[in-house]
N, C-alpha and C. Protein backbone atom coordinates (compact mmCIF):
# COMPACT_ATOMS: atom_id res chain seq x y z
N UNK A 1 -12.29 5.84 26.79
CA UNK A 1 -11.52 5.48 27.96
C UNK A 1 -11.81 6.41 29.05
N UNK A 2 -11.97 5.94 30.32
CA UNK A 2 -12.31 6.78 31.40
C UNK A 2 -10.84 6.92 32.16
N UNK A 3 -10.51 8.04 32.48
CA UNK A 3 -9.22 8.31 33.39
C UNK A 3 -9.61 8.80 34.59
N UNK A 4 -9.53 7.85 35.67
CA UNK A 4 -10.06 8.45 36.97
C UNK A 4 -11.56 8.58 37.06
N UNK A 5 -12.30 7.84 36.16
CA UNK A 5 -13.82 7.96 36.16
C UNK A 5 -14.28 8.86 35.29
N UNK A 6 -13.52 9.79 34.51
CA UNK A 6 -13.94 10.81 33.68
C UNK A 6 -13.69 10.17 32.16
N UNK A 7 -14.86 10.31 31.47
CA UNK A 7 -14.87 9.92 30.00
C UNK A 7 -14.08 10.94 29.39
N UNK A 8 -13.04 10.49 28.57
CA UNK A 8 -11.99 11.32 27.90
C UNK A 8 -12.58 12.01 26.54
N UNK A 9 -13.40 11.21 25.98
CA UNK A 9 -13.78 11.71 24.48
C UNK A 9 -15.15 12.68 24.85
N UNK A 10 -15.25 13.72 24.26
CA UNK A 10 -16.23 14.78 24.57
C UNK A 10 -17.15 14.79 23.34
N UNK A 11 -16.63 14.79 22.13
CA UNK A 11 -17.40 14.94 20.97
C UNK A 11 -16.91 13.87 19.78
N UNK A 12 -17.94 13.27 19.12
CA UNK A 12 -17.71 12.62 18.07
C UNK A 12 -18.33 13.21 16.78
N UNK A 13 -17.50 13.48 15.65
CA UNK A 13 -18.00 14.07 14.54
C UNK A 13 -18.09 13.02 13.46
N UNK A 14 -19.13 12.98 12.71
CA UNK A 14 -19.30 12.15 11.76
C UNK A 14 -19.47 12.98 10.58
N UNK A 15 -18.61 13.03 9.35
CA UNK A 15 -18.66 13.86 8.27
C UNK A 15 -19.01 12.91 7.10
N UNK A 16 -19.77 13.29 6.17
CA UNK A 16 -19.72 12.36 4.93
C UNK A 16 -20.39 13.20 3.84
N UNK A 17 -20.18 12.57 2.48
CA UNK A 17 -20.73 12.99 1.58
C UNK A 17 -22.29 12.63 1.21
N UNK A 18 -23.16 13.27 0.84
CA UNK A 18 -24.64 12.94 0.56
C UNK A 18 -24.70 12.23 -0.79
N UNK A 19 -23.64 12.36 -1.72
CA UNK A 19 -23.83 11.72 -2.91
C UNK A 19 -22.60 10.88 -3.27
N UNK A 20 -21.47 10.98 -2.85
CA UNK A 20 -20.33 10.22 -3.13
C UNK A 20 -20.28 8.68 -2.88
N UNK A 21 -19.63 8.07 -3.82
CA UNK A 21 -19.60 6.56 -3.56
C UNK A 21 -18.80 6.05 -2.38
N UNK A 22 -17.80 6.99 -1.82
CA UNK A 22 -17.02 6.60 -0.90
C UNK A 22 -17.79 6.80 0.50
N UNK A 23 -18.89 7.42 0.55
CA UNK A 23 -19.70 7.55 1.78
C UNK A 23 -20.87 6.68 1.71
N UNK A 24 -21.04 5.83 0.74
CA UNK A 24 -22.09 4.77 0.79
C UNK A 24 -22.27 4.07 2.01
N UNK A 25 -21.33 3.35 2.58
CA UNK A 25 -21.55 2.67 3.71
C UNK A 25 -21.79 3.46 4.88
N UNK A 26 -21.24 4.58 5.17
CA UNK A 26 -21.48 5.50 6.48
C UNK A 26 -22.84 5.99 6.21
N UNK A 27 -23.38 6.30 5.00
CA UNK A 27 -24.86 6.80 4.78
C UNK A 27 -25.87 5.56 5.23
N UNK A 28 -25.43 4.41 4.70
CA UNK A 28 -26.35 3.19 5.08
C UNK A 28 -26.25 3.07 6.58
N UNK A 29 -25.13 3.20 7.12
CA UNK A 29 -24.95 3.17 8.76
C UNK A 29 -25.84 4.02 9.56
N UNK A 30 -25.78 5.34 8.95
CA UNK A 30 -26.67 6.35 9.47
C UNK A 30 -28.02 6.18 9.33
N UNK A 31 -28.35 5.64 8.20
CA UNK A 31 -29.86 5.60 7.80
C UNK A 31 -30.65 4.53 8.21
N UNK A 32 -29.98 3.43 8.77
CA UNK A 32 -30.72 2.34 9.29
C UNK A 32 -31.83 2.65 10.16
N UNK A 33 -33.01 2.19 10.01
CA UNK A 33 -34.03 2.61 10.74
C UNK A 33 -34.08 1.92 12.09
N UNK A 34 -34.46 2.60 13.14
CA UNK A 34 -34.34 2.03 14.47
C UNK A 34 -35.81 1.22 14.68
N UNK A 35 -36.78 1.59 13.85
CA UNK A 35 -38.14 0.95 14.03
C UNK A 35 -38.27 -0.40 13.42
N UNK A 36 -37.13 -1.02 12.81
CA UNK A 36 -36.96 -2.34 12.51
C UNK A 36 -36.90 -3.28 13.51
N UNK A 37 -37.37 -4.53 13.30
CA UNK A 37 -37.36 -5.62 14.26
C UNK A 37 -36.01 -6.03 14.49
N UNK A 38 -34.99 -5.79 13.70
CA UNK A 38 -33.77 -6.39 13.92
C UNK A 38 -32.95 -5.53 14.58
N UNK A 39 -32.33 -6.04 15.71
CA UNK A 39 -31.36 -5.21 16.52
C UNK A 39 -30.12 -4.84 15.95
N UNK A 40 -29.88 -5.40 14.74
CA UNK A 40 -28.63 -4.87 13.91
C UNK A 40 -28.87 -3.53 13.46
N UNK A 41 -29.99 -2.94 13.31
CA UNK A 41 -30.16 -1.67 12.74
C UNK A 41 -30.26 -0.46 13.77
N UNK A 42 -29.81 -0.81 15.00
CA UNK A 42 -29.77 0.26 15.95
C UNK A 42 -28.25 0.73 16.17
N UNK A 43 -27.57 0.59 15.27
CA UNK A 43 -25.97 1.08 15.37
C UNK A 43 -25.87 2.33 16.35
N UNK A 44 -26.35 3.29 15.61
CA UNK A 44 -25.86 4.57 16.22
C UNK A 44 -26.75 5.05 17.36
N UNK A 45 -27.99 4.38 17.57
CA UNK A 45 -28.68 4.67 18.71
C UNK A 45 -28.10 3.76 19.95
N UNK A 46 -27.66 2.63 19.66
CA UNK A 46 -27.11 1.83 20.66
C UNK A 46 -25.68 2.40 21.00
N UNK A 47 -24.90 3.11 20.16
CA UNK A 47 -23.69 3.76 20.50
C UNK A 47 -24.05 4.93 21.39
N UNK A 48 -24.93 5.62 21.09
CA UNK A 48 -25.24 6.68 21.72
C UNK A 48 -25.68 6.54 23.22
N UNK A 49 -26.50 5.49 23.25
CA UNK A 49 -27.19 5.07 24.70
C UNK A 49 -25.93 4.50 25.53
N UNK A 50 -25.11 3.89 24.80
CA UNK A 50 -23.89 3.30 25.73
C UNK A 50 -22.90 4.31 26.06
N UNK A 51 -22.91 5.28 25.30
CA UNK A 51 -21.77 6.49 25.54
C UNK A 51 -22.65 7.82 25.63
N UNK A 52 -23.36 7.82 26.61
CA UNK A 52 -24.22 8.90 26.77
C UNK A 52 -23.48 10.34 26.99
N UNK A 53 -22.38 10.26 27.38
CA UNK A 53 -21.49 11.44 27.81
C UNK A 53 -20.89 11.99 26.71
N UNK A 54 -20.88 11.27 25.55
CA UNK A 54 -20.38 11.74 24.22
C UNK A 54 -21.39 12.47 23.36
N UNK A 55 -21.04 13.66 22.93
CA UNK A 55 -21.99 14.45 22.07
C UNK A 55 -21.70 14.00 20.64
N UNK A 56 -22.64 13.56 19.83
CA UNK A 56 -22.45 12.98 18.49
C UNK A 56 -22.91 14.15 17.51
N UNK A 57 -22.20 14.50 16.72
CA UNK A 57 -22.39 15.62 15.69
C UNK A 57 -22.29 14.82 14.28
N UNK A 58 -23.24 15.00 13.42
CA UNK A 58 -23.39 14.38 12.12
C UNK A 58 -23.82 15.49 11.16
N UNK A 59 -22.80 15.63 10.32
CA UNK A 59 -23.00 16.64 9.20
C UNK A 59 -22.60 16.29 7.96
N UNK A 60 -23.29 16.61 6.79
CA UNK A 60 -23.07 16.37 5.43
C UNK A 60 -21.58 17.14 5.15
N UNK A 61 -20.87 16.71 4.31
CA UNK A 61 -19.68 17.51 3.74
C UNK A 61 -19.62 17.20 2.21
N UNK A 62 -20.30 17.51 1.45
CA UNK A 62 -20.41 17.20 -0.09
C UNK A 62 -19.12 17.43 -0.57
N UNK A 63 -18.73 16.54 -1.47
CA UNK A 63 -17.44 16.55 -2.15
C UNK A 63 -16.30 16.13 -1.64
N UNK A 64 -16.32 15.53 -0.32
CA UNK A 64 -15.00 14.99 0.29
C UNK A 64 -15.44 13.53 0.86
N UNK A 65 -14.22 13.00 1.20
CA UNK A 65 -14.45 11.66 1.80
C UNK A 65 -14.94 11.63 3.21
N UNK A 66 -15.53 10.77 3.65
CA UNK A 66 -16.07 10.60 4.96
C UNK A 66 -15.07 10.35 5.99
N UNK A 67 -15.25 11.05 7.14
CA UNK A 67 -14.34 10.65 8.33
C UNK A 67 -14.94 10.85 9.54
N UNK A 68 -14.43 10.27 10.61
CA UNK A 68 -15.02 10.14 11.94
C UNK A 68 -13.89 10.94 12.96
N UNK A 69 -14.30 12.09 13.60
CA UNK A 69 -13.27 12.68 14.33
C UNK A 69 -13.66 12.66 15.74
N UNK A 70 -12.88 12.44 16.61
CA UNK A 70 -13.12 12.38 18.22
C UNK A 70 -12.24 13.51 18.68
N UNK A 71 -12.99 14.31 19.52
CA UNK A 71 -12.47 15.39 20.30
C UNK A 71 -12.40 15.06 21.88
N UNK A 72 -11.15 15.24 22.43
CA UNK A 72 -11.09 14.92 23.85
C UNK A 72 -11.01 16.03 24.73
N UNK A 73 -11.07 15.60 26.11
CA UNK A 73 -10.90 16.58 27.21
C UNK A 73 -9.74 17.41 27.17
N UNK A 74 -8.53 16.81 26.64
CA UNK A 74 -7.36 17.40 26.53
C UNK A 74 -7.16 18.44 25.62
N UNK A 75 -8.02 18.58 24.77
CA UNK A 75 -8.12 19.52 23.50
C UNK A 75 -7.57 18.80 22.24
N UNK A 76 -7.13 17.69 22.30
CA UNK A 76 -6.57 16.90 21.43
C UNK A 76 -7.79 16.43 20.40
N UNK A 77 -7.48 16.17 19.22
CA UNK A 77 -8.51 15.45 18.30
C UNK A 77 -7.96 14.41 17.41
N UNK A 78 -8.58 13.31 17.13
CA UNK A 78 -8.12 12.40 16.34
C UNK A 78 -9.14 12.24 15.20
N UNK A 79 -8.72 12.25 13.78
CA UNK A 79 -9.49 12.06 12.75
C UNK A 79 -9.08 10.82 11.92
N UNK A 80 -10.32 9.86 11.58
CA UNK A 80 -9.80 8.72 10.85
C UNK A 80 -10.82 8.71 9.60
N UNK A 81 -10.17 8.58 8.51
CA UNK A 81 -10.97 8.46 7.18
C UNK A 81 -11.62 7.07 7.23
N UNK A 82 -12.77 7.08 6.76
CA UNK A 82 -13.68 5.79 6.59
C UNK A 82 -14.20 5.75 5.22
N UNK A 83 -13.42 6.09 4.05
CA UNK A 83 -14.05 5.97 2.75
C UNK A 83 -13.92 4.61 2.40
N UNK A 84 -14.92 4.28 1.70
CA UNK A 84 -15.03 2.73 1.26
C UNK A 84 -14.95 1.67 2.34
N UNK A 85 -15.21 2.00 3.73
CA UNK A 85 -14.98 1.07 4.60
C UNK A 85 -16.37 0.31 4.93
N UNK A 86 -16.32 -0.88 5.35
CA UNK A 86 -17.60 -1.76 5.61
C UNK A 86 -18.06 -1.10 7.10
N UNK A 87 -19.35 -1.53 7.37
CA UNK A 87 -19.95 -1.29 8.78
C UNK A 87 -19.11 -1.73 10.00
N UNK A 88 -18.58 -2.81 9.69
CA UNK A 88 -17.75 -3.39 10.84
C UNK A 88 -16.63 -2.49 11.12
N UNK A 89 -15.99 -1.84 10.18
CA UNK A 89 -14.81 -0.98 10.38
C UNK A 89 -15.25 0.38 10.93
N UNK A 90 -16.50 0.92 10.59
CA UNK A 90 -17.00 2.03 11.30
C UNK A 90 -17.25 1.83 12.60
N UNK A 91 -17.72 0.69 13.04
CA UNK A 91 -17.99 0.36 14.38
C UNK A 91 -16.69 0.39 15.13
N UNK A 92 -15.55 -0.21 14.55
CA UNK A 92 -14.22 -0.42 15.13
C UNK A 92 -13.65 1.02 15.32
N UNK A 93 -13.80 1.73 14.39
CA UNK A 93 -13.35 3.17 14.36
C UNK A 93 -13.94 3.98 15.76
N UNK A 94 -15.23 3.88 15.82
CA UNK A 94 -16.04 4.50 16.85
C UNK A 94 -15.67 3.97 18.22
N UNK A 95 -15.63 2.68 18.25
CA UNK A 95 -15.29 2.10 19.63
C UNK A 95 -13.69 2.53 19.90
N UNK A 96 -12.82 2.41 18.89
CA UNK A 96 -11.46 2.81 19.07
C UNK A 96 -11.39 4.25 19.63
N UNK A 97 -12.17 5.26 19.00
CA UNK A 97 -12.08 6.56 19.57
C UNK A 97 -12.62 6.86 21.04
N UNK A 98 -13.54 5.95 21.32
CA UNK A 98 -14.14 6.04 22.65
C UNK A 98 -13.03 5.62 23.75
N UNK A 99 -12.38 4.54 23.21
CA UNK A 99 -11.27 3.79 24.38
C UNK A 99 -10.06 4.36 24.20
N UNK A 100 -9.85 5.51 23.57
CA UNK A 100 -8.49 6.16 23.50
C UNK A 100 -8.54 7.28 24.50
N UNK A 101 -7.57 7.56 25.22
CA UNK A 101 -7.36 8.70 26.13
C UNK A 101 -7.33 10.06 25.39
N UNK A 102 -6.79 10.03 24.10
CA UNK A 102 -6.61 11.41 23.45
C UNK A 102 -5.25 11.77 23.69
């Protein structure tokens, strides 16, 4: 969400486990190849292109459930667990974090 023309979300952190079952969908979401002919496989690239002012940080965090965290201009942050969520829910969470003022 932009307040007075300034994007409020500054950073989007995606943390997941490289081996755990609860991170399977987020791993699939991140590993979809942008070279495929299907436009459905460009999830993260499309998100990054649309929200170019948001810094996206992706780091594995083995042994823990996955989450997506948004850090805002105000210094506030919001963290949402995405364990065992489908790709639609992951897109929802990312969109919600972008559209929230923090």
